[in-house]
C-alpha cells in the first residue's frame, strides 16, 4: 500500500451526484419489479459504504473494497444497463491511493467478465466490445487522475503541516532569544547596578549617621531614594526572570495548528526554566511525534509530556509521546527518527521506543547541564 490519505478534502457532493446518476440509470433499466426493490437495498448499502470511506479513508480498506466490489457485482444482476460500470469508475477513484494499477485492473476486468457472462443472452446483436473498451479505459484514466489528485492533496497537506511546525519553531526561537536577552539584561542590572546601588545605600547610611545636623536631612532623603531605586531594580529583575512559559506556549501553538489531532500536553513546571537548546530539543521531538502520528497512523489523540527528574544525582529531562492507536511491533525508523537520534546524541542523550500494553511509547532522555550564561 501507498502512504495513507492525509488530506481533508470534502468529496461528499461529487460522490452523491455520481451515486444518484448510476442509481437512477440502474433503476430505469431494472430487470423486474423485484429487481427494482432489491436495487434499493444494494444501492443504499453502496451509499453508506461510500460515505464511510469518505469519513475513514484508511480504515478496513481491504474489507471495504471487497464489499463494494461484491455489491457492484450484485447490482449488475438486477439491471441491464452498462451504466452500472460507473460504479467501477467510482471504485477506481475511491481506492486509487491504496491499490496499485494491476490490482485495480484485475477488479475491473473481473467485473466486466461477470457482466458479460450474465447479460450475454440479452443482447440481440453481437457483443458490443466497444462498450467494454470505453469503460475499461475510462477506469484506467480515472485511476491515474484520482491517484495524482490524492498525491497532490497529500503533498499540500504535508506542506501546510511543515509550515505550521516551522511557525511554531520560529515562535519559540524568537521568544527564547527575547527571553535570553531579557535575562542577560536582568543579570547585568542585578550584578552591576544592583551591587553599586547597594554600596551607595550603605555609604549614604554611614554618611547620614556621621554628618553634621545641617546635612542630615539631605543625606536621609538621598538614602531613601537609593533604597527606592534599589527596590525598583530588584522588581525589574524579578519581572524579567519570571517569563518562563516559552516552551509551553510554543507547544500549545503547534497543537493548535494541528486540528486533525487532539494533543494532550503534560509539562512539568521545571520545564518552563529550560535553556533554549534543551527547549528546542523538546519542541523538535514533539514535532516529529506529531508528524509521524499523522503520516503513519490513524490515531486522533496524542499525549506529549516533559518533566525534569533527578536520577543518580543527575538532573535529566525526560519527554514522552504516545497516541491512541494500538501497536504490536516497533515501527521501522526512517530519516526523521534517525535525525532525532543524532540531535539527542549531540547532548549526550538518547531516544528510545518500546511497547507497553499495546501502546507505543517514544522517549527522549537528556542530561541537563546548566551553564552560568543560560
Protein backbone atom coordinates (compact mmCIF):
# COMPACT_ATOMS: atom_id res chain seq x y z
CA UNK A 1 0.00 0.00 0.00
CA UNK A 2 1.00 3.57 -0.60
CA UNK A 3 1.00 6.10 2.27
CA UNK A 4 -2.34 6.87 3.90
CA UNK A 5 -4.67 9.60 2.72
CA UNK A 6 -3.93 12.63 4.89
CA UNK A 7 -5.84 15.47 3.23
CA UNK A 8 -9.30 16.57 4.45
CA UNK A 9 -11.00 17.47 1.16
CA UNK A 10 -14.78 17.06 1.14
CA UNK A 11 -15.85 14.68 -1.66
CA UNK A 12 -19.41 14.15 -0.44
CA UNK A 13 -21.15 16.25 -3.10
CA UNK A 14 -19.40 14.66 -6.08
CA UNK A 15 -19.87 11.19 -4.61
CA UNK A 16 -23.58 11.73 -4.00
CA UNK A 17 -24.06 13.13 -7.52
CA UNK A 18 -22.33 10.12 -9.12
CA UNK A 19 -24.28 7.70 -6.96
CA UNK A 20 -27.58 9.34 -7.90
CA UNK A 21 -26.72 9.13 -11.59
CA UNK A 22 -25.87 5.44 -11.62
CA UNK A 23 -28.73 4.55 -9.25
CA UNK A 24 -31.28 6.31 -11.45
CA UNK A 25 -29.98 4.58 -14.59
CA UNK A 26 -29.96 1.15 -12.94
CA UNK A 27 -33.48 1.69 -11.63
CA UNK A 28 -34.75 2.71 -15.06
CA UNK A 29 -33.29 -0.42 -16.66
CA UNK A 30 -34.23 -2.78 -13.81
CA UNK A 31 -34.80 -6.39 -14.86
CA UNK A 32 -38.11 -6.66 -12.98
CA UNK A 33 -40.15 -5.11 -10.18
CA UNK A 34 -38.47 -7.42 -7.70
CA UNK A 35 -35.07 -6.42 -9.08
CA UNK A 36 -36.07 -2.76 -8.62
CA UNK A 37 -36.88 -3.39 -4.96
CA UNK A 38 -33.64 -5.24 -4.42
CA UNK A 39 -31.73 -2.42 -6.08
CA UNK A 40 -32.90 -0.08 -3.32
CA UNK A 41 -31.16 -2.13 -0.66
CA UNK A 42 -28.00 -2.70 -2.69
CA UNK A 43 -27.70 0.96 -3.73
CA UNK A 44 -28.38 2.11 -0.17
CA UNK A 45 -25.64 -0.17 1.13
CA UNK A 46 -23.24 1.19 -1.50
CA UNK A 47 -24.05 4.78 -0.50
CA UNK A 48 -23.47 4.04 3.19
CA UNK A 49 -20.20 2.32 2.29
CA UNK A 50 -19.03 5.30 0.21
CA UNK A 51 -19.74 7.77 2.98
CA UNK A 52 -17.88 5.57 5.45
CA UNK A 53 -14.88 5.55 3.12
CA UNK A 54 -15.02 9.35 2.85
CA UNK A 55 -15.04 9.67 6.63
CA UNK A 56 -12.46 6.94 7.34
CA UNK A 57 -10.42 6.56 4.13
CA UNK A 58 -7.67 4.47 5.74
CA UNK A 59 -9.65 2.03 7.87
CA UNK A 60 -10.50 -1.55 6.84
CA UNK A 61 -9.51 -0.79 3.25
CA UNK A 62 -9.45 -4.39 2.01
CA UNK A 63 -12.77 -5.31 3.61
CA UNK A 64 -14.49 -2.14 2.35
CA UNK A 65 -13.10 -2.59 -1.16
CA UNK A 66 -14.19 -6.23 -1.32
CA UNK A 67 -17.67 -5.36 -0.04
CA UNK A 68 -18.05 -2.55 -2.58
CA UNK A 69 -16.89 -4.86 -5.36
CA UNK A 70 -19.35 -7.62 -4.40
CA UNK A 71 -22.23 -5.14 -4.10
CA UNK A 72 -21.42 -3.87 -7.58
CA UNK A 73 -21.48 -7.43 -8.94
CA UNK A 74 -24.81 -7.96 -7.24
CA UNK A 75 -26.22 -4.78 -8.74
CA UNK A 76 -25.19 -5.98 -12.20
CA UNK A 77 -27.59 -8.89 -11.83
CA UNK A 78 -30.51 -6.54 -11.16
CA UNK A 79 -30.18 -4.23 -14.18
CA UNK A 80 -29.34 -4.49 -17.85
CA UNK A 81 -27.68 -1.09 -18.39
CA UNK A 82 -23.93 -0.87 -18.84
CA UNK A 83 -24.03 2.39 -16.87
CA UNK A 84 -23.56 0.20 -13.83
CA UNK A 85 -19.89 0.35 -14.81
CA UNK A 86 -19.95 3.84 -13.34
CA UNK A 87 -19.56 2.08 -10.01
CA UNK A 88 -16.30 0.62 -11.31
CA UNK A 89 -15.16 4.16 -12.13
CA UNK A 90 -16.05 5.25 -8.58
CA UNK A 91 -14.30 2.14 -7.27
CA UNK A 92 -11.05 3.05 -9.05
CA UNK A 93 -11.27 6.65 -7.79
CA UNK A 94 -12.05 5.68 -4.19
CA UNK A 95 -9.29 3.11 -3.82
CA UNK A 96 -6.67 4.55 -6.19
CA UNK A 97 -4.42 5.65 -3.28
CA UNK A 98 -4.46 2.18 -1.72
CA UNK A 99 -4.23 -0.27 -4.60
CA UNK A 100 -1.77 -0.48 -7.48
CA UNK A 101 -2.91 -0.36 -11.09
CA UNK A 102 -2.62 -4.16 -11.67
CA UNK A 103 -4.92 -4.88 -8.71
CA UNK A 104 -7.45 -2.29 -9.88
CA UNK A 105 -7.34 -3.71 -13.43
CA UNK A 106 -7.96 -7.22 -12.12
CA UNK A 107 -11.07 -5.99 -10.31
CA UNK A 108 -12.33 -4.06 -13.35
CA UNK A 109 -11.75 -6.91 -15.80
CA UNK A 110 -13.34 -9.42 -13.41
CA UNK A 111 -16.45 -7.25 -13.06
CA UNK A 112 -16.70 -6.84 -16.83
CA UNK A 113 -16.37 -10.59 -17.37
CA UNK A 114 -19.16 -11.24 -14.87
CA UNK A 115 -21.37 -8.64 -16.51
CA UNK A 116 -20.66 -10.02 -19.98
CA UNK A 117 -21.37 -13.60 -18.95
CA UNK A 118 -24.63 -12.83 -17.15
CA UNK A 119 -26.03 -10.46 -19.79
CA UNK A 120 -24.88 -12.13 -22.97
CA UNK A 121 -28.32 -13.65 -23.79
CA UNK A 122 -29.98 -10.23 -23.55
CA UNK A 123 -28.06 -8.84 -26.50
CA UNK A 124 -29.82 -9.17 -29.82
CA UNK A 125 -26.72 -8.43 -31.82
CA UNK A 126 -23.07 -9.31 -31.43
CA UNK A 127 -21.24 -8.49 -28.23
CA UNK A 128 -20.63 -4.69 -28.10
CA UNK A 129 -16.98 -4.93 -27.19
CA UNK A 130 -16.53 -1.21 -27.73
CA UNK A 131 -18.63 -0.63 -24.60
CA UNK A 132 -16.22 -2.68 -22.53
CA UNK A 133 -13.21 -0.96 -24.11
CA UNK A 134 -14.58 2.51 -23.43
CA UNK A 135 -15.39 1.75 -19.79
CA UNK A 136 -12.08 -0.04 -19.33
CA UNK A 137 -10.02 2.95 -20.47
CA UNK A 138 -12.30 5.28 -18.52
CA UNK A 139 -11.48 3.31 -15.35
CA UNK A 140 -7.74 3.31 -16.11
CA UNK A 141 -7.71 7.04 -16.81
CA UNK A 142 -9.71 7.70 -13.65
CA UNK A 143 -7.23 5.68 -11.58
CA UNK A 144 -4.32 7.80 -12.83
CA UNK A 145 -6.15 11.10 -12.36
CA UNK A 146 -7.52 10.24 -8.91
CA UNK A 147 -4.17 8.96 -7.70
CA UNK A 148 -2.40 12.14 -8.85
CA UNK A 149 -5.06 14.29 -7.19
CA UNK A 150 -4.71 12.47 -3.89
CA UNK A 151 -0.91 12.65 -4.03
CA UNK A 152 -1.09 16.37 -4.78
CA UNK A 153 -3.51 16.96 -1.92
CA UNK A 154 -1.33 14.92 0.43
CA UNK A 155 1.71 16.97 -0.56
CA UNK A 156 -0.24 20.17 0.01
CA UNK A 157 -1.37 18.88 3.40
CA UNK A 158 2.21 17.96 4.34
CA UNK A 159 3.46 21.37 3.20
CA UNK A 160 0.89 23.03 5.42
CA UNK A 161 1.93 20.85 8.33
CA UNK A 162 5.60 21.65 7.75
CA UNK A 163 4.72 25.34 7.62
CA UNK A 164 2.86 25.04 10.93
CA UNK A 165 5.85 23.32 12.54
CA UNK A 166 8.17 25.97 11.15
CA UNK A 167 5.97 28.73 12.54
CA UNK A 168 5.97 27.08 15.96
CA UNK A 169 9.77 26.74 15.85
CA UNK A 170 10.20 30.35 14.79
CA UNK A 171 7.88 31.48 17.52
CA UNK A 172 9.78 29.53 20.13
CA UNK A 173 13.22 30.61 18.93
CA UNK A 174 12.12 34.24 18.74
CA UNK A 175 10.61 34.09 22.21
CA UNK A 176 13.70 32.33 23.57
CA UNK A 177 16.01 34.89 22.02
CA UNK A 178 13.98 37.70 23.54
CA UNK A 179 13.89 35.90 26.88
CA UNK A 180 17.62 35.28 26.75
CA UNK A 181 18.23 38.96 26.08
CA UNK A 182 15.93 39.98 28.93
CA UNK A 183 17.71 37.54 31.20
CA UNK A 184 21.10 38.99 30.24
CA UNK A 185 19.85 42.50 30.91
CA UNK A 186 18.33 41.50 34.24
CA UNK A 187 21.57 39.75 35.22
CA UNK A 188 23.61 42.86 34.40
CA UNK A 189 21.17 45.02 36.35
CA UNK A 190 21.46 42.70 39.33
CA UNK A 191 25.21 42.09 39.20
CA UNK A 192 26.35 45.57 38.27
CA UNK A 193 23.79 48.25 39.00
CA UNK A 194 22.26 46.38 41.92
CA UNK A 195 25.58 45.96 43.72
CA UNK A 196 26.54 49.58 43.15
CA UNK A 197 23.20 50.82 44.42
CA UNK A 198 23.60 48.62 47.48
CA UNK A 199 27.07 50.09 48.11
CA UNK A 200 25.71 53.60 47.56
CA UNK A 201 22.90 52.99 50.06
CA UNK A 202 25.35 51.69 52.67
CA UNK A 203 27.65 54.67 52.20
CA UNK A 204 24.76 57.14 52.39
CA UNK A 205 23.52 55.49 55.56
CA UNK A 206 27.01 55.76 57.06
CA UNK A 207 27.35 59.36 55.92
CA UNK A 208 23.93 60.20 57.42
CA UNK A 209 24.97 58.80 60.79
CA UNK A 210 28.23 60.78 60.88
CA UNK A 211 27.12 64.02 59.19
CA UNK A 212 26.54 67.35 60.91
CA UNK A 213 22.95 68.45 61.59
CA UNK A 214 22.85 70.74 58.51
CA UNK A 215 23.29 67.83 56.02
CA UNK A 216 21.48 65.01 57.83
CA UNK A 217 18.13 65.79 56.19
CA UNK A 218 19.61 65.87 52.70
CA UNK A 219 21.54 62.64 53.22
CA UNK A 220 18.42 60.97 54.65
CA UNK A 221 16.45 61.83 51.50
CA UNK A 222 19.30 60.55 49.32
CA UNK A 223 19.43 57.34 51.30
CA UNK A 224 15.68 56.83 50.88
CA UNK A 225 15.92 57.49 47.15
CA UNK A 226 18.72 54.95 46.81
CA UNK A 227 16.62 52.39 48.66
CA UNK A 228 13.66 53.07 46.35
CA UNK A 229 15.82 52.78 43.22
CA UNK A 230 17.35 49.54 44.51
CA UNK A 231 13.90 48.09 45.17
CA UNK A 232 12.72 49.07 41.67
CA UNK A 233 15.78 47.39 40.13
CA UNK A 234 15.01 44.22 42.06
CA UNK A 235 11.40 44.27 40.86
CA UNK A 236 12.54 44.73 37.25
CA UNK A 237 14.97 41.82 37.54
CA UNK A 238 12.30 39.61 39.13
CA UNK A 239 9.77 40.51 36.41
CA UNK A 240 12.19 39.76 33.58
CA UNK A 241 13.11 36.39 35.07
CA UNK A 242 9.52 35.26 35.61
CA UNK A 243 8.67 34.88 31.90
CA UNK A 244 9.33 31.13 31.73
CA UNK A 245 6.44 29.72 29.71
CA UNK A 246 8.13 29.79 26.30
CA UNK A 247 8.18 26.03 25.68
CA UNK A 248 4.57 25.62 26.78
CA UNK A 249 3.41 28.46 24.54
CA UNK A 250 5.28 27.05 21.55
CA UNK A 251 3.85 23.55 22.05
CA UNK A 252 0.34 24.92 22.51
CA UNK A 253 0.72 26.88 19.27
CA UNK A 254 1.93 23.73 17.47
CA UNK A 255 -1.03 21.72 18.76
CA UNK A 256 -3.48 24.48 17.87
CA UNK A 257 -2.17 24.44 14.29
CA UNK A 258 -2.84 20.70 14.03
CA UNK A 259 -6.64 20.43 14.18
CA UNK A 260 -6.78 16.83 12.92
CA UNK A 261 -5.03 15.55 16.04
CA UNK A 262 -6.06 16.25 19.61
CA UNK A 263 -2.98 16.93 21.73
CA UNK A 264 -2.74 16.49 25.50
CA UNK A 265 0.18 18.48 26.92
CA UNK A 266 1.63 17.44 30.28
CA UNK A 267 4.54 19.74 31.18
CA UNK A 268 6.37 19.84 34.47
CA UNK A 269 6.74 23.33 35.94
CA UNK A 270 10.52 22.91 35.85
CA UNK A 271 10.44 22.59 32.06
CA UNK A 272 9.45 26.26 31.92
CA UNK A 273 13.01 27.11 33.00
CA UNK A 274 14.78 25.06 30.35
CA UNK A 275 17.62 26.72 28.41
CA UNK A 276 17.00 27.45 24.75
CA UNK A 277 18.84 24.42 23.33
CA UNK A 278 17.03 21.92 25.54
CA UNK A 279 13.65 23.55 24.95
CA UNK A 280 14.26 23.35 21.22
CA UNK A 281 15.08 19.63 21.55
CA UNK A 282 11.72 19.03 23.23
CA UNK A 283 9.94 21.02 20.53
CA UNK A 284 11.68 19.06 17.74
CA UNK A 285 10.79 15.79 19.46
CA UNK A 286 7.12 16.77 19.73
CA UNK A 287 7.08 17.93 16.11
CA UNK A 288 8.47 14.59 14.92
CA UNK A 289 5.99 12.63 17.01
CA UNK A 290 3.02 14.64 15.71
CA UNK A 291 4.26 14.34 12.14
CA UNK A 292 4.77 10.56 12.40
CA UNK A 293 1.36 10.12 14.00
CA UNK A 294 -0.32 11.97 11.15
CA UNK A 295 1.67 10.16 8.46
CA UNK A 296 1.72 6.57 9.63
CA UNK A 297 -1.23 6.04 11.96
CA UNK A 298 -4.96 6.59 12.16
CA UNK A 299 -4.79 7.98 15.70
CA UNK A 300 -6.78 11.06 16.62
CA UNK A 301 -5.23 11.73 20.03
CA UNK A 302 -1.63 12.11 21.18
CA UNK A 303 -0.15 12.73 24.61
CA UNK A 304 3.02 14.80 24.94
CA UNK A 305 4.77 15.07 28.29
CA UNK A 306 8.01 16.56 29.58
CA UNK A 307 9.48 16.65 33.06
CA UNK A 308 12.76 17.26 34.86
CA UNK A 309 13.84 14.41 37.14
CA UNK A 310 16.83 13.58 39.32
CA UNK A 311 18.34 10.14 38.73
CA UNK A 312 21.54 9.04 40.49
CA UNK A 313 22.39 12.63 41.47
CA UNK A 314 21.99 13.73 37.85
CA UNK A 315 19.33 16.07 36.54
CA UNK A 316 17.63 14.73 33.42
CA UNK A 317 15.00 15.98 31.05
CA UNK A 318 12.51 13.22 30.12
CA UNK A 319 9.98 13.74 27.32
CA UNK A 320 7.49 11.15 26.11
CA UNK A 321 4.89 10.84 23.37
CA UNK A 322 2.25 8.20 22.67
CA UNK A 323 -1.00 8.05 20.72
CA UNK A 324 -4.25 6.07 20.96
CA UNK A 325 -3.58 3.60 18.14
CA UNK A 326 -2.74 0.09 19.42
CA UNK A 327 0.59 -1.31 18.25
CA UNK A 328 2.01 -4.81 18.32
CA UNK A 329 5.51 -4.20 16.97
CA UNK A 330 8.02 -1.36 16.80
CA UNK A 331 7.79 0.69 13.59
CA UNK A 332 10.60 0.93 11.11
CA UNK A 333 12.69 4.02 11.81
CA UNK A 334 13.06 6.49 8.95
CA UNK A 335 15.09 9.61 8.34
CA UNK A 336 13.08 11.69 10.81
CA UNK A 337 13.80 9.43 13.78
CA UNK A 338 17.41 9.00 12.65
CA UNK A 339 17.83 12.78 12.71
CA UNK A 340 16.17 12.90 16.12
CA UNK A 341 18.66 10.34 17.44
CA UNK A 342 21.55 12.38 16.08
CA UNK A 343 20.21 15.50 17.77
CA UNK A 344 19.92 13.63 21.09
CA UNK A 345 23.48 12.33 20.72
CA UNK A 346 24.76 15.90 20.49
CA UNK A 347 23.54 16.45 24.05
CA UNK A 348 24.65 13.03 25.34
CA UNK A 349 21.02 11.93 25.41
CA UNK A 350 19.17 9.09 23.76
CA UNK A 351 15.89 8.27 22.03
CA UNK A 352 14.05 5.01 22.73
CA UNK A 353 10.86 3.27 21.64
CA UNK A 354 9.05 0.48 23.43
CA UNK A 355 5.56 -1.02 23.55
CA UNK A 356 3.73 -1.22 26.87
CA UNK A 357 0.25 -2.78 26.99
CA UNK A 358 -0.22 -2.22 23.28
CA UNK A 359 0.87 1.43 23.40
CA UNK A 360 3.94 2.62 21.51
CA UNK A 361 5.85 4.97 23.82
CA UNK A 362 8.55 7.27 22.40
CA UNK A 363 11.00 8.72 24.91
CA UNK A 364 13.96 11.09 24.91
CA UNK A 365 16.26 11.48 27.90
CA UNK A 366 18.73 14.37 28.13
CA UNK A 367 21.17 15.09 30.96
CA UNK A 368 20.76 18.74 31.93
CA UNK A 369 23.87 20.86 32.32
CA UNK A 370 23.14 24.45 33.25
CA UNK A 371 25.81 26.99 32.41
CA UNK A 372 26.01 30.37 34.05
CA UNK A 373 25.07 32.13 30.82
CA UNK A 374 21.89 30.11 30.34
